[in-house]
Amino acid sequence: MQNTRLNNIAGLVVSQIEQWLQNPWRALLLHILGFLIGFFLGIAIATYTGQQAVWDLPAVGLTVLTIELISWYFYRPGKRSPIGGILHTTKLGLTYNLILEAFKLGS
């Protein structure tokens, strides 16, 4: 990849965010926030696709694809980034809520 100004700026922004997340309290706050956002996304997905029956299969496919991409990013060999950890926590909240919704519906 060429070393352009856009690549330099993006790399600088990502490194500054990762440096900002080195504080354990900030990281814990963002993990809790990520879990709650994932939980909310699970509620939104289940509610919307339950009312619009034509969106069941595309929503399931997109959700599974997103979960698998986040898992691939988090569990890939090499260095784990704090941003990947927050995405992983968001995925856990989403998965937990979808399982909880399935138990509530009795299916």
N, C-alpha and C. Protein backbone atom coordinates (compact mmCIF):
# COMPACT_ATOMS: atom_id res chain seq x y z
N MET A 1 0.84 -1.17 0.00
CA MET A 1 0.00 0.00 0.00
C MET A 1 0.89 1.24 0.00
N GLN A 2 0.51 2.23 -0.74
CA GLN A 2 1.31 3.44 -0.83
C GLN A 2 1.16 4.27 0.44
N ASN A 3 2.19 4.99 0.75
CA ASN A 3 2.20 5.83 1.94
C ASN A 3 1.68 7.22 1.58
N THR A 4 0.38 7.38 1.55
CA THR A 4 -0.23 8.65 1.19
C THR A 4 -0.55 9.45 2.44
N ARG A 5 -0.95 10.69 2.25
CA ARG A 5 -1.32 11.53 3.40
C ARG A 5 -2.54 10.97 4.12
N LEU A 6 -3.49 10.43 3.35
CA LEU A 6 -4.68 9.85 3.98
C LEU A 6 -4.31 8.64 4.83
N ASN A 7 -3.40 7.79 4.35
CA ASN A 7 -2.95 6.65 5.15
C ASN A 7 -2.22 7.11 6.41
N ASN A 8 -1.41 8.16 6.27
CA ASN A 8 -0.70 8.69 7.45
C ASN A 8 -1.68 9.23 8.48
N ILE A 9 -2.69 9.98 8.03
CA ILE A 9 -3.67 10.55 8.96
C ILE A 9 -4.50 9.44 9.62
N ALA A 10 -4.93 8.45 8.84
CA ALA A 10 -5.72 7.35 9.40
C ALA A 10 -4.89 6.56 10.41
N GLY A 11 -3.64 6.29 10.09
CA GLY A 11 -2.76 5.58 11.03
C GLY A 11 -2.52 6.35 12.29
N LEU A 12 -2.37 7.67 12.16
CA LEU A 12 -2.17 8.52 13.33
C LEU A 12 -3.40 8.55 14.22
N VAL A 13 -4.58 8.65 13.61
CA VAL A 13 -5.83 8.68 14.39
C VAL A 13 -6.02 7.35 15.13
N VAL A 14 -5.80 6.23 14.44
CA VAL A 14 -5.97 4.92 15.08
C VAL A 14 -4.96 4.74 16.21
N SER A 15 -3.72 5.15 16.02
CA SER A 15 -2.73 5.02 17.09
C SER A 15 -3.06 5.91 18.28
N GLN A 16 -3.60 7.11 18.03
CA GLN A 16 -3.99 7.98 19.14
C GLN A 16 -5.17 7.41 19.91
N ILE A 17 -6.13 6.81 19.20
CA ILE A 17 -7.27 6.18 19.89
C ILE A 17 -6.79 5.00 20.72
N GLU A 18 -5.90 4.17 20.16
CA GLU A 18 -5.40 3.03 20.92
C GLU A 18 -4.58 3.48 22.13
N GLN A 19 -3.84 4.58 21.99
CA GLN A 19 -3.10 5.11 23.13
C GLN A 19 -4.06 5.65 24.19
N TRP A 20 -5.15 6.29 23.75
CA TRP A 20 -6.15 6.82 24.68
C TRP A 20 -6.82 5.69 25.44
N LEU A 21 -6.97 4.51 24.79
CA LEU A 21 -7.63 3.38 25.43
C LEU A 21 -6.72 2.59 26.36
N GLN A 22 -5.47 3.00 26.51
CA GLN A 22 -4.56 2.29 27.41
C GLN A 22 -4.96 2.48 28.88
N ASN A 23 -5.70 3.54 29.17
CA ASN A 23 -6.20 3.75 30.53
C ASN A 23 -7.26 2.69 30.81
N PRO A 24 -7.11 1.90 31.89
CA PRO A 24 -8.05 0.80 32.14
C PRO A 24 -9.48 1.26 32.41
N TRP A 25 -9.66 2.44 33.02
CA TRP A 25 -11.01 2.91 33.29
C TRP A 25 -11.74 3.31 32.02
N ARG A 26 -11.03 3.92 31.09
CA ARG A 26 -11.64 4.26 29.81
C ARG A 26 -12.00 3.01 29.03
N ALA A 27 -11.09 2.03 29.06
CA ALA A 27 -11.35 0.78 28.35
C ALA A 27 -12.56 0.06 28.95
N LEU A 28 -12.65 0.02 30.28
CA LEU A 28 -13.78 -0.62 30.93
C LEU A 28 -15.09 0.09 30.58
N LEU A 29 -15.06 1.43 30.59
CA LEU A 29 -16.25 2.19 30.24
C LEU A 29 -16.69 1.89 28.81
N LEU A 30 -15.75 1.83 27.88
CA LEU A 30 -16.10 1.57 26.49
C LEU A 30 -16.54 0.13 26.28
N HIS A 31 -16.02 -0.81 27.06
CA HIS A 31 -16.49 -2.20 26.97
C HIS A 31 -17.93 -2.31 27.46
N ILE A 32 -18.24 -1.65 28.57
CA ILE A 32 -19.62 -1.66 29.07
C ILE A 32 -20.55 -0.97 28.07
N LEU A 33 -20.11 0.15 27.53
CA LEU A 33 -20.91 0.86 26.54
C LEU A 33 -21.10 0.01 25.28
N GLY A 34 -20.06 -0.69 24.86
CA GLY A 34 -20.17 -1.58 23.70
C GLY A 34 -21.15 -2.71 23.93
N PHE A 35 -21.12 -3.29 25.13
CA PHE A 35 -22.07 -4.36 25.46
C PHE A 35 -23.50 -3.85 25.41
N LEU A 36 -23.74 -2.67 25.98
CA LEU A 36 -25.09 -2.10 25.98
C LEU A 36 -25.55 -1.72 24.57
N ILE A 37 -24.64 -1.23 23.74
CA ILE A 37 -24.99 -0.92 22.36
C ILE A 37 -25.34 -2.20 21.61
N GLY A 38 -24.57 -3.26 21.83
CA GLY A 38 -24.90 -4.55 21.21
C GLY A 38 -26.24 -5.08 21.67
N PHE A 39 -26.53 -4.91 22.95
CA PHE A 39 -27.82 -5.34 23.49
C PHE A 39 -28.96 -4.56 22.83
N PHE A 40 -28.77 -3.25 22.66
CA PHE A 40 -29.78 -2.43 22.01
C PHE A 40 -29.95 -2.82 20.54
N LEU A 41 -28.85 -3.10 19.86
CA LEU A 41 -28.94 -3.53 18.46
C LEU A 41 -29.72 -4.84 18.34
N GLY A 42 -29.54 -5.74 19.30
CA GLY A 42 -30.29 -6.99 19.30
C GLY A 42 -31.79 -6.73 19.45
N ILE A 43 -32.15 -5.81 20.32
CA ILE A 43 -33.57 -5.46 20.48
C ILE A 43 -34.11 -4.86 19.19
N ALA A 44 -33.35 -3.95 18.59
CA ALA A 44 -33.80 -3.29 17.36
C ALA A 44 -33.95 -4.28 16.21
N ILE A 45 -33.00 -5.18 16.07
CA ILE A 45 -33.07 -6.17 14.98
C ILE A 45 -34.26 -7.09 15.18
N ALA A 46 -34.43 -7.59 16.38
CA ALA A 46 -35.54 -8.52 16.63
C ALA A 46 -36.90 -7.85 16.47
N THR A 47 -37.01 -6.61 16.92
CA THR A 47 -38.29 -5.91 16.83
C THR A 47 -38.64 -5.57 15.39
N TYR A 48 -37.68 -5.03 14.66
CA TYR A 48 -37.97 -4.58 13.30
C TYR A 48 -38.24 -5.76 12.38
N THR A 49 -37.43 -6.80 12.47
CA THR A 49 -37.65 -7.94 11.58
C THR A 49 -38.88 -8.73 11.99
N GLY A 50 -39.30 -8.63 13.25
CA GLY A 50 -40.53 -9.29 13.66
C GLY A 50 -41.76 -8.64 13.06
N GLN A 51 -41.71 -7.33 12.85
CA GLN A 51 -42.85 -6.63 12.27
C GLN A 51 -42.84 -6.71 10.75
N GLN A 52 -41.70 -6.61 10.15
CA GLN A 52 -41.57 -6.68 8.69
C GLN A 52 -41.09 -8.08 8.33
N ALA A 53 -41.99 -8.98 8.05
CA ALA A 53 -41.65 -10.39 7.86
C ALA A 53 -40.75 -10.63 6.66
N VAL A 54 -40.74 -9.73 5.69
CA VAL A 54 -39.89 -9.94 4.52
C VAL A 54 -38.41 -9.73 4.82
N TRP A 55 -38.08 -9.09 5.94
CA TRP A 55 -36.69 -8.80 6.27
C TRP A 55 -36.05 -9.86 7.16
N ASP A 56 -36.74 -10.96 7.43
CA ASP A 56 -36.19 -11.97 8.32
C ASP A 56 -34.87 -12.55 7.80
N LEU A 57 -34.89 -13.10 6.60
CA LEU A 57 -33.69 -13.75 6.07
C LEU A 57 -32.54 -12.78 5.79
N PRO A 58 -32.78 -11.62 5.17
CA PRO A 58 -31.65 -10.70 4.98
C PRO A 58 -31.06 -10.21 6.31
N ALA A 59 -31.90 -9.97 7.31
CA ALA A 59 -31.39 -9.50 8.61
C ALA A 59 -30.57 -10.59 9.29
N VAL A 60 -31.02 -11.83 9.19
CA VAL A 60 -30.26 -12.93 9.79
C VAL A 60 -28.93 -13.10 9.07
N GLY A 61 -28.96 -13.04 7.76
CA GLY A 61 -27.72 -13.18 6.99
C GLY A 61 -26.73 -12.08 7.30
N LEU A 62 -27.20 -10.84 7.37
CA LEU A 62 -26.33 -9.72 7.67
C LEU A 62 -25.80 -9.79 9.10
N THR A 63 -26.64 -10.22 10.03
CA THR A 63 -26.21 -10.34 11.42
C THR A 63 -25.15 -11.42 11.58
N VAL A 64 -25.36 -12.58 10.96
CA VAL A 64 -24.38 -13.66 11.05
C VAL A 64 -23.07 -13.25 10.37
N LEU A 65 -23.15 -12.58 9.23
CA LEU A 65 -21.95 -12.11 8.54
C LEU A 65 -21.18 -11.12 9.41
N THR A 66 -21.89 -10.20 10.05
CA THR A 66 -21.24 -9.22 10.92
C THR A 66 -20.58 -9.89 12.12
N ILE A 67 -21.28 -10.83 12.72
CA ILE A 67 -20.72 -11.55 13.88
C ILE A 67 -19.47 -12.32 13.48
N GLU A 68 -19.51 -12.98 12.33
CA GLU A 68 -18.35 -13.75 11.88
C GLU A 68 -17.17 -12.85 11.53
N LEU A 69 -17.42 -11.69 10.91
CA LEU A 69 -16.34 -10.77 10.59
C LEU A 69 -15.69 -10.20 11.86
N ILE A 70 -16.51 -9.88 12.85
CA ILE A 70 -15.95 -9.39 14.12
C ILE A 70 -15.14 -10.49 14.79
N SER A 71 -15.63 -11.73 14.77
CA SER A 71 -14.87 -12.83 15.36
C SER A 71 -13.56 -13.05 14.62
N TRP A 72 -13.60 -12.98 13.29
CA TRP A 72 -12.37 -13.14 12.51
C TRP A 72 -11.37 -12.04 12.86
N TYR A 73 -11.85 -10.80 13.00
CA TYR A 73 -10.97 -9.68 13.32
C TYR A 73 -10.38 -9.82 14.72
N PHE A 74 -11.17 -10.27 15.66
CA PHE A 74 -10.70 -10.36 17.05
C PHE A 74 -9.77 -11.55 17.27
N TYR A 75 -10.06 -12.69 16.66
CA TYR A 75 -9.29 -13.91 16.90
C TYR A 75 -8.19 -14.15 15.88
N ARG A 76 -7.91 -13.20 14.99
CA ARG A 76 -6.85 -13.40 14.01
C ARG A 76 -5.50 -13.43 14.72
N PRO A 77 -4.54 -14.15 14.14
CA PRO A 77 -3.23 -14.20 14.80
C PRO A 77 -2.53 -12.84 14.72
N GLY A 78 -1.78 -12.56 15.72
CA GLY A 78 -1.06 -11.28 15.76
C GLY A 78 -1.50 -10.44 16.94
N LYS A 79 -1.25 -9.15 16.82
CA LYS A 79 -1.55 -8.22 17.91
C LYS A 79 -3.05 -7.96 18.01
N ARG A 80 -3.57 -8.01 19.22
CA ARG A 80 -4.98 -7.66 19.46
C ARG A 80 -5.07 -6.18 19.77
N SER A 81 -5.99 -5.53 19.09
CA SER A 81 -6.14 -4.09 19.31
C SER A 81 -7.28 -3.85 20.30
N PRO A 82 -7.22 -2.73 21.02
CA PRO A 82 -8.32 -2.40 21.94
C PRO A 82 -9.64 -2.17 21.21
N ILE A 83 -9.57 -1.65 19.99
CA ILE A 83 -10.79 -1.43 19.21
C ILE A 83 -11.44 -2.77 18.88
N GLY A 84 -10.64 -3.78 18.57
CA GLY A 84 -11.17 -5.12 18.31
C GLY A 84 -11.83 -5.70 19.55
N GLY A 85 -11.28 -5.41 20.73
CA GLY A 85 -11.89 -5.87 21.97
C GLY A 85 -13.25 -5.25 22.22
N ILE A 86 -13.38 -3.97 21.89
CA ILE A 86 -14.67 -3.30 22.06
C ILE A 86 -15.68 -3.85 21.07
N LEU A 87 -15.25 -4.09 19.82
CA LEU A 87 -16.14 -4.72 18.84
C LEU A 87 -16.57 -6.11 19.30
N HIS A 88 -15.65 -6.84 19.90
CA HIS A 88 -15.97 -8.18 20.40
C HIS A 88 -17.00 -8.10 21.52
N THR A 89 -16.86 -7.12 22.41
CA THR A 89 -17.83 -6.95 23.49
C THR A 89 -19.20 -6.55 22.94
N THR A 90 -19.22 -5.73 21.89
CA THR A 90 -20.48 -5.37 21.25
C THR A 90 -21.13 -6.61 20.64
N LYS A 91 -20.32 -7.47 20.03
CA LYS A 91 -20.83 -8.72 19.47
C LYS A 91 -21.42 -9.62 20.56
N LEU A 92 -20.77 -9.65 21.71
CA LEU A 92 -21.29 -10.45 22.82
C LEU A 92 -22.65 -9.93 23.29
N GLY A 93 -22.81 -8.61 23.38
CA GLY A 93 -24.10 -8.03 23.78
C GLY A 93 -25.18 -8.35 22.77
N LEU A 94 -24.86 -8.27 21.48
CA LEU A 94 -25.82 -8.58 20.42
C LEU A 94 -26.23 -10.05 20.49
N THR A 95 -25.27 -10.93 20.61
CA THR A 95 -25.56 -12.36 20.67
C THR A 95 -26.38 -12.71 21.91
N TYR A 96 -26.00 -12.14 23.05
CA TYR A 96 -26.73 -12.40 24.29
C TYR A 96 -28.18 -11.96 24.17
N ASN A 97 -28.41 -10.79 23.57
CA ASN A 97 -29.77 -10.31 23.45
C ASN A 97 -30.59 -11.15 22.49
N LEU A 98 -30.00 -11.57 21.40
CA LEU A 98 -30.75 -12.40 20.45
C LEU A 98 -31.12 -13.75 21.07
N ILE A 99 -30.24 -14.31 21.88
CA ILE A 99 -30.57 -15.56 22.59
C ILE A 99 -31.67 -15.31 23.61
N LEU A 100 -31.60 -14.18 24.32
CA LEU A 100 -32.62 -13.83 25.29
C LEU A 100 -33.97 -13.62 24.62
N GLU A 101 -33.98 -12.97 23.45
CA GLU A 101 -35.23 -12.77 22.71
C GLU A 101 -35.81 -14.11 22.26
N ALA A 102 -34.97 -15.05 21.88
CA ALA A 102 -35.45 -16.37 21.47
C ALA A 102 -36.08 -17.09 22.66
N PHE A 103 -35.50 -16.97 23.84
CA PHE A 103 -36.10 -17.59 25.03
C PHE A 103 -37.44 -16.93 25.38
N LYS A 104 -37.52 -15.60 25.22
CA LYS A 104 -38.77 -14.91 25.51
C LYS A 104 -39.88 -15.34 24.58
N LEU A 105 -39.53 -15.57 23.31
CA LEU A 105 -40.54 -15.98 22.34
C LEU A 105 -40.87 -17.47 22.42
N GLY A 106 -40.03 -18.22 23.12
CA GLY A 106 -40.29 -19.64 23.29
C GLY A 106 -39.98 -20.46 22.05
N SER A 107 -39.03 -19.99 21.25
CA SER A 107 -38.69 -20.74 20.04
C SER A 107 -37.28 -21.27 20.09
